[in-house]
Amino acid sequence: MEGATFLDLYAGSGAVGIEAASRGAASVVLVERATPALKVLRGNLEKLGLRGGVRVEALSVAAYLRRGRTTAAAGFDLVFLDPPYEAAEEYATVLGLLGSEAKGLLAEGATVIAEHRRREKLEDCYGTLTRIRLLEQGDAGLSFYETAISF
């Protein structure tokens, strides 16, 4: 995590992105559009005194990805996404964007981690993203994706 650029999609309270910052991420972008969650997220950042290197984007994840800009010169090293479980269609949309038109947001060798319900079966590939690992425990699953190597 030390020196990594981290993108937290569906940031909620900001817990995952805040953890990344506490473990030495060089920059963290938190994307969240829900007003109640944004209030909590901003409160958490304020209480912890996190300002430099942490940025909040108050818009939808799809809008952020389609905008396609990053403060990281070479893209994000780590992307974490955890959409609301009832929004299962978001996985295909977001992973599809990250594996195609928004792939420029990813650094070379980037890892994308999707937290999902165990029974929610994600695809092995989304464009240039290929699942390299699946961890399941209880009702939760973590799917790890990397960009395909091109020659």
Protein backbone atom coordinates (compact mmCIF):
# COMPACT_ATOMS: atom_id res chain seq x y z
CA MET A 1 0.00 0.00 0.00
CA GLU A 2 2.94 2.31 0.68
CA GLY A 3 3.03 4.95 -2.06
CA ALA A 4 0.07 3.47 -3.97
CA THR A 5 -2.71 5.45 -5.62
CA PHE A 6 -6.07 4.19 -4.36
CA LEU A 7 -9.58 4.60 -5.76
CA ASP A 8 -12.54 3.74 -3.50
CA LEU A 9 -15.76 3.45 -5.50
CA TYR A 10 -19.05 3.53 -3.54
CA ALA A 11 -16.99 4.84 -0.63
CA GLY A 12 -19.85 5.05 1.89
CA SER A 13 -18.37 6.15 5.22
CA GLY A 14 -14.89 6.18 3.69
CA ALA A 15 -13.60 3.37 5.93
CA VAL A 16 -11.73 1.48 3.17
CA GLY A 17 -10.13 4.59 1.68
CA ILE A 18 -9.23 5.91 5.13
CA GLU A 19 -7.58 2.57 5.90
CA ALA A 20 -5.60 2.84 2.64
CA ALA A 21 -4.43 6.34 3.63
CA SER A 22 -3.45 5.10 7.12
CA ARG A 23 -1.35 2.36 5.51
CA GLY A 24 0.65 4.82 3.42
CA ALA A 25 -1.24 5.29 0.16
CA ALA A 26 0.17 8.34 -1.61
CA SER A 27 -3.28 9.45 -2.74
CA VAL A 28 -6.84 8.31 -2.17
CA VAL A 29 -9.94 9.24 -4.15
CA LEU A 30 -13.32 8.45 -2.56
CA VAL A 31 -16.31 8.37 -4.91
CA GLU A 32 -19.75 8.57 -3.32
CA ARG A 33 -22.98 10.30 -4.35
CA ALA A 34 -25.45 9.48 -1.55
CA THR A 35 -25.93 12.62 0.56
CA PRO A 36 -26.20 10.81 3.94
CA ALA A 37 -23.03 8.80 3.23
CA LEU A 38 -21.18 11.92 2.06
CA LYS A 39 -22.02 13.66 5.31
CA VAL A 40 -20.60 10.76 7.33
CA LEU A 41 -17.58 10.42 5.03
CA ARG A 42 -16.66 14.10 5.25
CA GLY A 43 -17.19 14.02 9.02
CA ASN A 44 -14.84 11.05 9.32
CA LEU A 45 -12.17 12.79 7.26
CA GLU A 46 -12.53 15.94 9.35
CA LYS A 47 -12.33 14.04 12.67
CA LEU A 48 -9.19 12.27 11.49
CA GLY A 49 -7.64 15.43 10.05
CA LEU A 50 -7.21 13.85 6.62
CA ARG A 51 -6.89 16.50 3.95
CA GLY A 52 -3.76 16.21 1.83
CA GLY A 53 -3.72 13.23 -0.45
CA VAL A 54 -7.41 12.40 0.10
CA ARG A 55 -10.09 13.72 -2.25
CA VAL A 56 -13.85 13.21 -2.28
CA GLU A 57 -15.75 13.06 -5.57
CA ALA A 58 -19.47 13.61 -4.94
CA LEU A 59 -20.96 12.01 -8.05
CA SER A 60 -22.04 8.64 -9.35
CA VAL A 61 -19.39 6.01 -9.96
CA ALA A 62 -20.38 5.68 -13.63
CA ALA A 63 -20.11 9.45 -14.11
CA TYR A 64 -16.69 9.50 -12.44
CA LEU A 65 -15.42 6.62 -14.60
CA ARG A 66 -16.80 8.11 -17.80
CA ARG A 67 -15.15 11.43 -16.96
CA GLY A 68 -11.91 9.46 -16.97
CA ARG A 69 -9.59 11.82 -15.12
CA THR A 70 -7.20 10.94 -12.33
CA THR A 71 -4.77 12.92 -10.22
CA ALA A 72 -2.38 9.98 -10.42
CA ALA A 73 -0.05 10.58 -13.35
CA ALA A 74 0.01 6.91 -14.34
CA GLY A 75 -3.42 5.91 -13.04
CA PHE A 76 -4.61 4.09 -9.94
CA ASP A 77 -2.67 1.15 -8.55
CA LEU A 78 -5.60 -0.19 -6.51
CA VAL A 79 -9.34 0.14 -7.07
CA PHE A 80 -11.88 -1.10 -4.55
CA LEU A 81 -15.59 -1.29 -5.28
CA ASP A 82 -18.42 -2.33 -3.02
CA PRO A 83 -21.75 -1.23 -4.50
CA PRO A 84 -24.88 -1.70 -2.42
CA TYR A 85 -25.79 -5.39 -2.59
CA GLU A 86 -29.23 -4.57 -3.97
CA ALA A 87 -27.55 -2.85 -6.96
CA ALA A 88 -26.07 -6.04 -8.42
CA GLU A 89 -26.13 -4.62 -11.97
CA GLU A 90 -23.48 -2.10 -10.90
CA TYR A 91 -20.79 -4.79 -10.90
CA ALA A 92 -21.09 -5.47 -14.63
CA THR A 93 -21.36 -1.76 -15.43
CA VAL A 94 -18.38 -0.66 -13.36
CA LEU A 95 -16.09 -3.60 -14.08
CA GLY A 96 -17.06 -3.31 -17.75
CA LEU A 97 -16.08 0.37 -17.76
CA LEU A 98 -12.79 -0.31 -15.96
CA GLY A 99 -12.02 -3.03 -18.49
CA SER A 100 -12.81 -0.85 -21.51
CA GLU A 101 -13.44 2.88 -21.90
CA ALA A 102 -12.18 3.81 -18.39
CA LYS A 103 -9.13 1.52 -18.44
CA GLY A 104 -6.94 4.63 -18.75
CA LEU A 105 -7.66 5.26 -15.06
CA LEU A 106 -5.67 2.14 -14.19
CA ALA A 107 -1.91 2.02 -13.75
CA GLU A 108 0.07 -0.75 -15.37
CA GLY A 109 -0.32 -3.82 -13.16
CA ALA A 110 -3.29 -2.34 -11.28
CA THR A 111 -5.51 -4.52 -9.13
CA VAL A 112 -9.28 -4.07 -8.98
CA ILE A 113 -11.06 -5.63 -6.00
CA ALA A 114 -14.83 -6.13 -6.01
CA GLU A 115 -16.59 -7.01 -2.77
CA HIS A 116 -19.85 -8.85 -3.44
CA ARG A 117 -22.30 -11.36 -2.09
CA ARG A 118 -20.96 -14.85 -2.33
CA ARG A 119 -23.99 -15.94 -4.34
CA GLU A 120 -23.46 -13.03 -6.79
CA LYS A 121 -21.40 -14.66 -9.50
CA LEU A 122 -19.17 -12.17 -11.27
CA GLU A 123 -17.64 -12.86 -14.67
CA ASP A 124 -14.05 -14.02 -14.99
CA CYS A 125 -13.32 -11.27 -17.55
CA TYR A 126 -14.58 -7.74 -18.20
CA GLY A 127 -12.79 -6.38 -21.25
CA THR A 128 -9.11 -6.16 -20.31
CA LEU A 129 -9.79 -7.15 -16.67
CA THR A 130 -9.25 -10.79 -15.75
CA ARG A 131 -10.10 -12.31 -12.39
CA ILE A 132 -6.99 -13.71 -10.76
CA ARG A 133 -8.41 -14.67 -7.37
CA LEU A 134 -11.72 -15.27 -5.61
CA LEU A 135 -11.97 -15.32 -1.82
CA GLU A 136 -15.23 -16.40 -0.19
CA GLN A 137 -16.12 -16.35 3.48
CA GLY A 138 -19.60 -16.55 4.91
CA ASP A 139 -21.94 -14.55 2.66
CA ALA A 140 -19.16 -12.35 1.27
CA GLY A 141 -16.87 -12.69 -1.70
CA LEU A 142 -13.86 -10.73 -2.93
CA SER A 143 -12.98 -10.93 -6.61
CA PHE A 144 -9.52 -9.69 -7.57
CA TYR A 145 -8.94 -8.54 -11.14
CA GLU A 146 -5.86 -7.41 -13.02
CA THR A 147 -5.48 -5.89 -16.43
CA ALA A 148 -4.50 -8.30 -19.17
CA ILE A 149 -0.92 -7.99 -20.30
CA SER A 150 -0.65 -6.78 -23.86
CA PHE A 151 2.37 -7.40 -26.08
